[in-house]
Amino acid sequence: MEPARPSSFNPAGAGGLLIGTTAAGIGVGTLVGWSAGSAALGALAGAALGIPAGIFVVYRRYRDAM
């Protein structure tokens, strides 16, 4: 007998988490880059870190649904 799955996969929720986490990473990167002298490079670094962070957040949220 298999245990019941506590949560189901919600594609819209997963997309929202991914976009929100990536946007937060870009925002933080932009602020750090701006304080260091280059907001554009900070935004690029924030995106480079925000995308994997977003994937990790979605995985952690929906790992029981898979």
PDB file of N, CA and C in Angstrom:
ATOM      1  N   MET A   1       0.837  -1.171   0.000  1.00  0.00           N
ATOM      2  CA  MET A   1       0.000   0.000   0.000  1.00  0.00           C
ATOM      3  C   MET A   1       0.886   1.240   0.000  1.00  0.00           C
ATOM      4  N   GLU A   2       0.644   2.112  -0.957  1.00  0.00           N
ATOM      5  CA  GLU A   2       1.435   3.331  -1.071  1.00  0.00           C
ATOM      6  C   GLU A   2       0.832   4.437  -0.217  1.00  0.00           C
ATOM      7  N   PRO A   3       1.705   5.271   0.382  1.00  0.00           N
ATOM      8  CA  PRO A   3       1.168   6.404   1.135  1.00  0.00           C
ATOM      9  C   PRO A   3       0.562   7.437   0.190  1.00  0.00           C
ATOM     10  N   ALA A   4      -0.430   8.130   0.673  1.00  0.00           N
ATOM     11  CA  ALA A   4      -1.090   9.159  -0.137  1.00  0.00           C
ATOM     12  C   ALA A   4      -0.133  10.320  -0.369  1.00  0.00           C
ATOM     13  N   ARG A   5      -0.211  10.906  -1.550  1.00  0.00           N
ATOM     14  CA  ARG A   5       0.624  12.057  -1.851  1.00  0.00           C
ATOM     15  C   ARG A   5       0.022  13.294  -1.188  1.00  0.00           C
ATOM     16  N   PRO A   6       0.836  13.992  -0.399  1.00  0.00           N
ATOM     17  CA  PRO A   6       0.290  15.144   0.321  1.00  0.00           C
ATOM     18  C   PRO A   6       0.014  16.365  -0.547  1.00  0.00           C
ATOM     19  N   SER A   7       0.734  16.501  -1.647  1.00  0.00           N
ATOM     20  CA  SER A   7       0.495  17.677  -2.495  1.00  0.00           C
ATOM     21  C   SER A   7       0.504  17.252  -3.956  1.00  0.00           C
ATOM     22  N   SER A   8      -0.203  17.993  -4.751  1.00  0.00           N
ATOM     23  CA  SER A   8      -0.224  17.719  -6.182  1.00  0.00           C
ATOM     24  C   SER A   8       0.563  18.808  -6.906  1.00  0.00           C
ATOM     25  N   PHE A   9       0.993  18.497  -8.095  1.00  0.00           N
ATOM     26  CA  PHE A   9       1.791  19.433  -8.878  1.00  0.00           C
ATOM     27  C   PHE A   9       0.894  20.499  -9.481  1.00  0.00           C
ATOM     28  N   ASN A  10       1.264  21.750  -9.307  1.00  0.00           N
ATOM     29  CA  ASN A  10       0.522  22.885  -9.836  1.00  0.00           C
ATOM     30  C   ASN A  10       1.458  23.659 -10.768  1.00  0.00           C
ATOM     31  N   PRO A  11       1.304  23.517 -12.093  1.00  0.00           N
ATOM     32  CA  PRO A  11       2.229  24.182 -13.013  1.00  0.00           C
ATOM     33  C   PRO A  11       2.262  25.710 -12.865  1.00  0.00           C
ATOM     34  N   ALA A  12       1.126  26.325 -12.618  1.00  0.00           N
ATOM     35  CA  ALA A  12       1.106  27.777 -12.457  1.00  0.00           C
ATOM     36  C   ALA A  12       1.854  28.195 -11.195  1.00  0.00           C
ATOM     37  N   GLY A  13       1.700  27.437 -10.136  1.00  0.00           N
ATOM     38  CA  GLY A  13       2.423  27.722  -8.900  1.00  0.00           C
ATOM     39  C   GLY A  13       3.912  27.529  -9.059  1.00  0.00           C
ATOM     40  N   ALA A  14       4.302  26.490  -9.786  1.00  0.00           N
ATOM     41  CA  ALA A  14       5.719  26.238 -10.030  1.00  0.00           C
ATOM     42  C   ALA A  14       6.320  27.366 -10.870  1.00  0.00           C
ATOM     43  N   GLY A  15       5.590  27.816 -11.874  1.00  0.00           N
ATOM     44  CA  GLY A  15       6.070  28.926 -12.694  1.00  0.00           C
ATOM     45  C   GLY A  15       6.192  30.214 -11.908  1.00  0.00           C
ATOM     46  N   GLY A  16       5.225  30.451 -11.042  1.00  0.00           N
ATOM     47  CA  GLY A  16       5.280  31.644 -10.199  1.00  0.00           C
ATOM     48  C   GLY A  16       6.468  31.626  -9.256  1.00  0.00           C
ATOM     49  N   LEU A  17       6.731  30.459  -8.665  1.00  0.00           N
ATOM     50  CA  LEU A  17       7.897  30.337  -7.795  1.00  0.00           C
ATOM     51  C   LEU A  17       9.186  30.555  -8.570  1.00  0.00           C
ATOM     52  N   LEU A  18       9.261  29.981  -9.752  1.00  0.00           N
ATOM     53  CA  LEU A  18      10.462  30.117 -10.572  1.00  0.00           C
ATOM     54  C   LEU A  18      10.695  31.573 -10.978  1.00  0.00           C
ATOM     55  N   ILE A  19       9.654  32.224 -11.446  1.00  0.00           N
ATOM     56  CA  ILE A  19       9.776  33.628 -11.866  1.00  0.00           C
ATOM     57  C   ILE A  19      10.073  34.529 -10.667  1.00  0.00           C
ATOM     58  N   GLY A  20       9.383  34.294  -9.561  1.00  0.00           N
ATOM     59  CA  GLY A  20       9.590  35.129  -8.374  1.00  0.00           C
ATOM     60  C   GLY A  20      10.990  35.006  -7.802  1.00  0.00           C
ATOM     61  N   THR A  21      11.499  33.786  -7.727  1.00  0.00           N
ATOM     62  CA  THR A  21      12.838  33.576  -7.196  1.00  0.00           C
ATOM     63  C   THR A  21      13.888  34.157  -8.130  1.00  0.00           C
ATOM     64  N   THR A  22      13.703  33.973  -9.422  1.00  0.00           N
ATOM     65  CA  THR A  22      14.649  34.533 -10.390  1.00  0.00           C
ATOM     66  C   THR A  22      14.627  36.062 -10.341  1.00  0.00           C
ATOM     67  N   ALA A  23      13.442  36.650 -10.259  1.00  0.00           N
ATOM     68  CA  ALA A  23      13.334  38.108 -10.174  1.00  0.00           C
ATOM     69  C   ALA A  23      13.966  38.640  -8.889  1.00  0.00           C
ATOM     70  N   ALA A  24      13.788  37.911  -7.794  1.00  0.00           N
ATOM     71  CA  ALA A  24      14.417  38.329  -6.541  1.00  0.00           C
ATOM     72  C   ALA A  24      15.937  38.272  -6.651  1.00  0.00           C
ATOM     73  N   GLY A  25      16.445  37.232  -7.295  1.00  0.00           N
ATOM     74  CA  GLY A  25      17.892  37.135  -7.499  1.00  0.00           C
ATOM     75  C   GLY A  25      18.422  38.269  -8.353  1.00  0.00           C
ATOM     76  N   ILE A  26      17.697  38.608  -9.407  1.00  0.00           N
ATOM     77  CA  ILE A  26      18.108  39.717 -10.268  1.00  0.00           C
ATOM     78  C   ILE A  26      18.063  41.029  -9.494  1.00  0.00           C
ATOM     79  N   GLY A  27      17.017  41.213  -8.694  1.00  0.00           N
ATOM     80  CA  GLY A  27      16.905  42.441  -7.904  1.00  0.00           C
ATOM     81  C   GLY A  27      18.031  42.593  -6.900  1.00  0.00           C
ATOM     82  N   VAL A  28      18.345  41.527  -6.196  1.00  0.00           N
ATOM     83  CA  VAL A  28      19.436  41.583  -5.218  1.00  0.00           C
ATOM     84  C   VAL A  28      20.766  41.794  -5.938  1.00  0.00           C
ATOM     85  N   GLY A  29      20.949  41.096  -7.047  1.00  0.00           N
ATOM     86  CA  GLY A  29      22.177  41.277  -7.818  1.00  0.00           C
ATOM     87  C   GLY A  29      22.324  42.690  -8.340  1.00  0.00           C
ATOM     88  N   THR A  30      21.230  43.291  -8.771  1.00  0.00           N
ATOM     89  CA  THR A  30      21.265  44.667  -9.256  1.00  0.00           C
ATOM     90  C   THR A  30      21.653  45.629  -8.143  1.00  0.00           C
ATOM     91  N   LEU A  31      21.093  45.433  -6.965  1.00  0.00           N
ATOM     92  CA  LEU A  31      21.441  46.304  -5.834  1.00  0.00           C
ATOM     93  C   LEU A  31      22.901  46.153  -5.442  1.00  0.00           C
ATOM     94  N   VAL A  32      23.382  44.922  -5.398  1.00  0.00           N
ATOM     95  CA  VAL A  32      24.785  44.698  -5.052  1.00  0.00           C
ATOM     96  C   VAL A  32      25.690  45.268  -6.140  1.00  0.00           C
ATOM     97  N   GLY A  33      25.324  45.041  -7.397  1.00  0.00           N
ATOM     98  CA  GLY A  33      26.106  45.588  -8.500  1.00  0.00           C
ATOM     99  C   GLY A  33      26.090  47.104  -8.529  1.00  0.00           C
ATOM    100  N   TRP A  34      24.952  47.685  -8.222  1.00  0.00           N
ATOM    101  CA  TRP A  34      24.844  49.137  -8.190  1.00  0.00           C
ATOM    102  C   TRP A  34      25.746  49.722  -7.110  1.00  0.00           C
ATOM    103  N   SER A  35      25.766  49.074  -5.950  1.00  0.00           N
ATOM    104  CA  SER A  35      26.629  49.570  -4.871  1.00  0.00           C
ATOM    105  C   SER A  35      28.106  49.350  -5.191  1.00  0.00           C
ATOM    106  N   ALA A  36      28.416  48.371  -6.052  1.00  0.00           N
ATOM    107  CA  ALA A  36      29.800  48.105  -6.439  1.00  0.00           C
ATOM    108  C   ALA A  36      30.213  48.880  -7.684  1.00  0.00           C
ATOM    109  N   GLY A  37      29.249  49.516  -8.368  1.00  0.00           N
ATOM    110  CA  GLY A  37      29.600  50.346  -9.504  1.00  0.00           C
ATOM    111  C   GLY A  37      29.035  49.918 -10.843  1.00  0.00           C
ATOM    112  N   SER A  38      28.424  48.744 -10.938  1.00  0.00           N
ATOM    113  CA  SER A  38      27.867  48.312 -12.226  1.00  0.00           C
ATOM    114  C   SER A  38      26.589  47.510 -11.989  1.00  0.00           C
ATOM    115  N   ALA A  39      25.474  48.185 -12.139  1.00  0.00           N
ATOM    116  CA  ALA A  39      24.183  47.528 -11.910  1.00  0.00           C
ATOM    117  C   ALA A  39      23.919  46.451 -12.956  1.00  0.00           C
ATOM    118  N   ALA A  40      24.374  46.661 -14.189  1.00  0.00           N
ATOM    119  CA  ALA A  40      24.123  45.677 -15.249  1.00  0.00           C
ATOM    120  C   ALA A  40      24.848  44.364 -14.973  1.00  0.00           C
ATOM    121  N   LEU A  41      26.089  44.437 -14.544  1.00  0.00           N
ATOM    122  CA  LEU A  41      26.815  43.204 -14.216  1.00  0.00           C
ATOM    123  C   LEU A  41      26.226  42.531 -12.980  1.00  0.00           C
ATOM    124  N   GLY A  42      25.746  43.324 -12.054  1.00  0.00           N
ATOM    125  CA  GLY A  42      25.088  42.759 -10.879  1.00  0.00           C
ATOM    126  C   GLY A  42      23.806  42.033 -11.246  1.00  0.00           C
ATOM    127  N   ALA A  43      23.047  42.608 -12.173  1.00  0.00           N
ATOM    128  CA  ALA A  43      21.814  41.955 -12.628  1.00  0.00           C
ATOM    129  C   ALA A  43      22.128  40.656 -13.350  1.00  0.00           C
ATOM    130  N   LEU A  44      23.199  40.654 -14.140  1.00  0.00           N
ATOM    131  CA  LEU A  44      23.610  39.442 -14.833  1.00  0.00           C
ATOM    132  C   LEU A  44      24.028  38.361 -13.846  1.00  0.00           C
ATOM    133  N   ALA A  45      24.792  38.737 -12.844  1.00  0.00           N
ATOM    134  CA  ALA A  45      25.194  37.779 -11.815  1.00  0.00           C
ATOM    135  C   ALA A  45      23.982  37.294 -11.019  1.00  0.00           C
ATOM    136  N   GLY A  46      23.049  38.198 -10.745  1.00  0.00           N
ATOM    137  CA  GLY A  46      21.831  37.812 -10.031  1.00  0.00           C
ATOM    138  C   GLY A  46      20.996  36.826 -10.824  1.00  0.00           C
ATOM    139  N   ALA A  47      20.938  37.014 -12.144  1.00  0.00           N
ATOM    140  CA  ALA A  47      20.208  36.065 -12.990  1.00  0.00           C
ATOM    141  C   ALA A  47      20.913  34.716 -13.020  1.00  0.00           C
ATOM    142  N   ALA A  48      22.249  34.760 -13.076  1.00  0.00           N
ATOM    143  CA  ALA A  48      23.016  33.513 -13.106  1.00  0.00           C
ATOM    144  C   ALA A  48      22.834  32.708 -11.819  1.00  0.00           C
ATOM    145  N   LEU A  49      22.632  33.380 -10.716  1.00  0.00           N
ATOM    146  CA  LEU A  49      22.392  32.688  -9.453  1.00  0.00           C
ATOM    147  C   LEU A  49      20.903  32.461  -9.188  1.00  0.00           C
ATOM    148  N   GLY A  50      20.058  33.338  -9.719  1.00  0.00           N
ATOM    149  CA  GLY A  50      18.626  33.249  -9.467  1.00  0.00           C
ATOM    150  C   GLY A  50      17.946  32.099 -10.180  1.00  0.00           C
ATOM    151  N   ILE A  51      18.391  31.763 -11.374  1.00  0.00           N
ATOM    152  CA  ILE A  51      17.759  30.672 -12.125  1.00  0.00           C
ATOM    153  C   ILE A  51      17.957  29.331 -11.425  1.00  0.00           C
ATOM    154  N   PRO A  52      19.199  28.953 -11.046  1.00  0.00           N
ATOM    155  CA  PRO A  52      19.341  27.694 -10.306  1.00  0.00           C
ATOM    156  C   PRO A  52      18.639  27.724  -8.939  1.00  0.00           C
ATOM    157  N   ALA A  53      18.619  28.895  -8.306  1.00  0.00           N
ATOM    158  CA  ALA A  53      17.912  29.005  -7.030  1.00  0.00           C
ATOM    159  C   ALA A  53      16.412  28.775  -7.233  1.00  0.00           C
ATOM    160  N   GLY A  54      15.865  29.303  -8.313  1.00  0.00           N
ATOM    161  CA  GLY A  54      14.453  29.089  -8.619  1.00  0.00           C
ATOM    162  C   GLY A  54      14.138  27.627  -8.877  1.00  0.00           C
ATOM    163  N   ILE A  55      15.009  26.961  -9.608  1.00  0.00           N
ATOM    164  CA  ILE A  55      14.812  25.531  -9.860  1.00  0.00           C
ATOM    165  C   ILE A  55      14.848  24.753  -8.555  1.00  0.00           C
ATOM    166  N   PHE A  56      15.781  25.107  -7.674  1.00  0.00           N
ATOM    167  CA  PHE A  56      15.874  24.437  -6.382  1.00  0.00           C
ATOM    168  C   PHE A  56      14.616  24.660  -5.545  1.00  0.00           C
ATOM    169  N   VAL A  57      14.091  25.882  -5.541  1.00  0.00           N
ATOM    170  CA  VAL A  57      12.885  26.185  -4.764  1.00  0.00           C
ATOM    171  C   VAL A  57      11.691  25.389  -5.287  1.00  0.00           C
ATOM    172  N   VAL A  58      11.551  25.305  -6.601  1.00  0.00           N
ATOM    173  CA  VAL A  58      10.446  24.536  -7.187  1.00  0.00           C
ATOM    174  C   VAL A  58      10.602  23.061  -6.845  1.00  0.00           C
ATOM    175  N   TYR A  59      11.824  22.550  -6.933  1.00  0.00           N
ATOM    176  CA  TYR A  59      12.056  21.149  -6.578  1.00  0.00           C
ATOM    177  C   TYR A  59      11.692  20.878  -5.131  1.00  0.00           C
ATOM    178  N   ARG A  60      12.130  21.751  -4.223  1.00  0.00           N
ATOM    179  CA  ARG A  60      11.837  21.554  -2.801  1.00  0.00           C
ATOM    180  C   ARG A  60      10.327  21.617  -2.529  1.00  0.00           C
ATOM    181  N   ARG A  61       9.630  22.497  -3.217  1.00  0.00           N
ATOM    182  CA  ARG A  61       8.192  22.670  -2.980  1.00  0.00           C
ATOM    183  C   ARG A  61       7.397  21.467  -3.520  1.00  0.00           C
ATOM    184  N   TYR A  62       7.784  20.965  -4.679  1.00  0.00           N
ATOM    185  CA  TYR A  62       6.988  19.931  -5.345  1.00  0.00           C
ATOM    186  C   TYR A  62       7.674  18.562  -5.380  1.00  0.00           C
ATOM    187  N   ARG A  63       8.653  18.326  -4.514  1.00  0.00           N
ATOM    188  CA  ARG A  63       9.351  17.038  -4.550  1.00  0.00           C
ATOM    189  C   ARG A  63       8.460  15.874  -4.172  1.00  0.00           C
ATOM    190  N   ASP A  64       7.463  16.096  -3.353  1.00  0.00           N
ATOM    191  CA  ASP A  64       6.553  14.991  -2.960  1.00  0.00           C
ATOM    192  C   ASP A  64       5.536  14.687  -4.041  1.00  0.00           C
ATOM    193  N   ALA A  65       5.351  15.586  -4.983  1.00  0.00           N
ATOM    194  CA  ALA A  65       4.345  15.364  -6.033  1.00  0.00           C
ATOM    195  C   ALA A  65       4.915  14.575  -7.200  1.00  0.00           C
ATOM    196  N   MET A  66       6.211  14.375  -7.209  1.00  0.00           N
ATOM    197  CA  MET A  66       6.840  13.665  -8.334  1.00  0.00           C
ATOM    198  C   MET A  66       7.104  12.214  -8.015  1.00  0.00           C
TER     199      MET A  66
END
